[in-house]
Amino acid sequence: MSPSYLIYGEEMPFREMTGALHFGGIADNQPEFLAKATYCLSRLDAVHSVALVQMMMGTLRNEFKSFDKIMEFEANSRFFDTANNLQEILTDRAAKKKT
C-alpha cells in the first residue's frame, strides 16, 4: 500500500491535473511540451543532450524490454504526428485570438 493511497484513498490522486500543472508550467499540452523539450535538447551541447537521452532510454529499457525495437519502428512517425498535432493546436489558438 502506497503513502498516496493511505493519505488520499487512491494510488494516483492527481492524475487529473491541468496540462500546465502536469508539465510544470512549461506547456499546456503534450505536443507543446514535447516541442519545448526538443528545443531544449537542441540548445544543449552534444555531450549533455546525449547524456540526457541515454538516461531516458535507459529508464525506458528497464520498463519495456523491447524498447529499442519499438523505438526504431515508431520514433519518426510519432515525431511527425506530434508535429502535426502541435500545428493544429497553434492554428486553433491563433484563430481564437482573432475572434
C-alpha atoms as a PDB file:
ATOM      1  CA  MET A   1       0.000   0.000   0.000  1.00  0.00           C
ATOM      2  CA  SER A   2       1.475   3.353  -1.028  1.00  0.00           C
ATOM      3  CA  PRO A   3       1.560   6.574   1.019  1.00  0.00           C
ATOM      4  CA  SER A   4      -0.709   8.178  -1.606  1.00  0.00           C
ATOM      5  CA  TYR A   5      -3.321   5.501  -1.047  1.00  0.00           C
ATOM      6  CA  LEU A   6      -3.121   5.924   2.715  1.00  0.00           C
ATOM      7  CA  ILE A   7      -3.433   9.712   2.517  1.00  0.00           C
ATOM      8  CA  TYR A   8      -5.817  10.181  -0.419  1.00  0.00           C
ATOM      9  CA  GLY A   9      -7.534   6.821  -0.760  1.00  0.00           C
ATOM     10  CA  GLU A  10      -6.180   6.163  -4.256  1.00  0.00           C
ATOM     11  CA  GLU A  11      -2.832   5.428  -5.859  1.00  0.00           C
ATOM     12  CA  MET A  12      -2.751   8.392  -8.249  1.00  0.00           C
ATOM     13  CA  PRO A  13      -4.871  11.187  -6.756  1.00  0.00           C
ATOM     14  CA  PHE A  14      -3.522  13.939  -9.023  1.00  0.00           C
ATOM     15  CA  ARG A  15      -3.786  12.324 -12.457  1.00  0.00           C
ATOM     16  CA  GLU A  16      -6.498  14.808 -13.494  1.00  0.00           C
ATOM     17  CA  MET A  17      -4.161  17.825 -13.332  1.00  0.00           C
ATOM     18  CA  THR A  18      -4.352  20.527 -15.965  1.00  0.00           C
ATOM     19  CA  GLY A  19      -1.730  20.408 -18.683  1.00  0.00           C
ATOM     20  CA  ALA A  20       0.205  23.405 -17.356  1.00  0.00           C
ATOM     21  CA  LEU A  21       0.466  21.874 -13.887  1.00  0.00           C
ATOM     22  CA  HIS A  22       1.244  18.443 -15.263  1.00  0.00           C
ATOM     23  CA  PHE A  23       4.156  19.797 -17.296  1.00  0.00           C
ATOM     24  CA  GLY A  24       5.466  22.066 -14.569  1.00  0.00           C
ATOM     25  CA  GLY A  25       4.099  25.225 -16.171  1.00  0.00           C
ATOM     26  CA  ILE A  26       6.144  24.809 -19.364  1.00  0.00           C
ATOM     27  CA  ALA A  27       3.248  23.923 -21.653  1.00  0.00           C
ATOM     28  CA  ASP A  28      -0.480  23.387 -21.789  1.00  0.00           C
ATOM     29  CA  ASN A  29      -0.484  20.157 -23.797  1.00  0.00           C
ATOM     30  CA  GLN A  30       1.624  17.147 -24.734  1.00  0.00           C
ATOM     31  CA  PRO A  31       2.669  18.322 -28.245  1.00  0.00           C
ATOM     32  CA  GLU A  32       3.674  21.744 -26.923  1.00  0.00           C
ATOM     33  CA  PHE A  33       5.623  20.163 -24.066  1.00  0.00           C
ATOM     34  CA  LEU A  34       7.443  17.867 -26.500  1.00  0.00           C
ATOM     35  CA  ALA A  35       8.257  20.796 -28.797  1.00  0.00           C
ATOM     36  CA  LYS A  36       9.778  22.710 -25.903  1.00  0.00           C
ATOM     37  CA  ALA A  37      11.674  19.659 -24.662  1.00  0.00           C
ATOM     38  CA  THR A  38      13.036  19.090 -28.191  1.00  0.00           C
ATOM     39  CA  TYR A  39      14.045  22.744 -28.391  1.00  0.00           C
ATOM     40  CA  CYS A  40      15.870  22.483 -25.056  1.00  0.00           C
ATOM     41  CA  LEU A  41      17.718  19.361 -26.192  1.00  0.00           C
ATOM     42  CA  SER A  42      18.705  21.090 -29.430  1.00  0.00           C
ATOM     43  CA  ARG A  43      20.207  24.027 -27.495  1.00  0.00           C
ATOM     44  CA  LEU A  44      22.436  21.818 -25.349  1.00  0.00           C
ATOM     45  CA  ASP A  45      25.874  20.789 -26.483  1.00  0.00           C
ATOM     46  CA  ALA A  46      26.082  17.206 -27.749  1.00  0.00           C
ATOM     47  CA  VAL A  47      27.645  15.828 -24.564  1.00  0.00           C
ATOM     48  CA  HIS A  48      24.748  16.977 -22.398  1.00  0.00           C
ATOM     49  CA  SER A  49      21.920  16.186 -24.826  1.00  0.00           C
ATOM     50  CA  VAL A  50      23.282  12.693 -25.485  1.00  0.00           C
ATOM     51  CA  ALA A  51      23.628  12.076 -21.744  1.00  0.00           C
ATOM     52  CA  LEU A  52      20.017  13.115 -21.106  1.00  0.00           C
ATOM     53  CA  VAL A  53      18.674  10.990 -23.957  1.00  0.00           C
ATOM     54  CA  GLN A  54      20.736   7.996 -22.813  1.00  0.00           C
ATOM     55  CA  MET A  55      19.276   8.390 -19.330  1.00  0.00           C
ATOM     56  CA  MET A  56      15.725   8.473 -20.730  1.00  0.00           C
ATOM     57  CA  MET A  57      16.396   5.472 -22.952  1.00  0.00           C
ATOM     58  CA  GLY A  58      17.874   3.538 -20.031  1.00  0.00           C
ATOM     59  CA  THR A  59      14.765   4.204 -17.978  1.00  0.00           C
ATOM     60  CA  LEU A  60      12.508   3.094 -20.838  1.00  0.00           C
ATOM     61  CA  ARG A  61      14.592  -0.028 -21.489  1.00  0.00           C
ATOM     62  CA  ASN A  62      14.056  -1.034 -17.861  1.00  0.00           C
ATOM     63  CA  GLU A  63      10.294  -0.616 -18.269  1.00  0.00           C
ATOM     64  CA  PHE A  64       9.944  -2.112 -21.758  1.00  0.00           C
ATOM     65  CA  LYS A  65      12.239  -4.981 -22.681  1.00  0.00           C
ATOM     66  CA  SER A  66      11.624  -4.497 -26.414  1.00  0.00           C
ATOM     67  CA  PHE A  67      12.015  -0.709 -26.233  1.00  0.00           C
ATOM     68  CA  ASP A  68      14.743  -0.465 -28.894  1.00  0.00           C
ATOM     69  CA  LYS A  69      12.676  -2.338 -31.482  1.00  0.00           C
ATOM     70  CA  ILE A  70       9.591  -0.274 -30.675  1.00  0.00           C
ATOM     71  CA  MET A  71      11.568   2.969 -30.858  1.00  0.00           C
ATOM     72  CA  GLU A  72      13.103   2.017 -34.196  1.00  0.00           C
ATOM     73  CA  PHE A  73       9.640   1.337 -35.601  1.00  0.00           C
ATOM     74  CA  GLU A  74       7.709   4.251 -34.056  1.00  0.00           C
ATOM     75  CA  ALA A  75      10.086   7.176 -33.391  1.00  0.00           C
ATOM     76  CA  ASN A  76       9.838   9.016 -36.700  1.00  0.00           C
ATOM     77  CA  SER A  77       6.099   8.591 -37.179  1.00  0.00           C
ATOM     78  CA  ARG A  78       5.419   9.717 -33.594  1.00  0.00           C
ATOM     79  CA  PHE A  79       7.582  12.776 -34.161  1.00  0.00           C
ATOM     80  CA  PHE A  80       5.615  13.766 -37.257  1.00  0.00           C
ATOM     81  CA  ASP A  81       2.265  13.003 -35.593  1.00  0.00           C
ATOM     82  CA  THR A  82       3.239  15.224 -32.673  1.00  0.00           C
ATOM     83  CA  ALA A  83       4.341  17.985 -35.043  1.00  0.00           C
ATOM     84  CA  ASN A  84       1.006  17.789 -36.870  1.00  0.00           C
ATOM     85  CA  ASN A  85      -0.922  17.870 -33.574  1.00  0.00           C
ATOM     86  CA  LEU A  86       1.085  20.880 -32.440  1.00  0.00           C
ATOM     87  CA  GLN A  87       0.377  22.661 -35.720  1.00  0.00           C
ATOM     88  CA  GLU A  88      -3.361  22.089 -35.231  1.00  0.00           C
ATOM     89  CA  ILE A  89      -3.208  23.376 -31.652  1.00  0.00           C
ATOM     90  CA  LEU A  90      -1.301  26.504 -32.659  1.00  0.00           C
ATOM     91  CA  THR A  91      -3.655  27.161 -35.589  1.00  0.00           C
ATOM     92  CA  ASP A  92      -6.690  26.829 -33.292  1.00  0.00           C
ATOM     93  CA  ARG A  93      -5.061  29.085 -30.701  1.00  0.00           C
ATOM     94  CA  ALA A  94      -4.320  31.744 -33.349  1.00  0.00           C
ATOM     95  CA  ALA A  95      -7.896  31.556 -34.667  1.00  0.00           C
ATOM     96  CA  LYS A  96      -9.301  32.031 -31.148  1.00  0.00           C
ATOM     97  CA  LYS A  97      -7.132  35.127 -30.633  1.00  0.00           C
ATOM     98  CA  LYS A  98      -8.548  36.677 -33.817  1.00  0.00           C
ATOM     99  CA  THR A  99     -12.141  36.303 -32.601  1.00  0.00           C
END
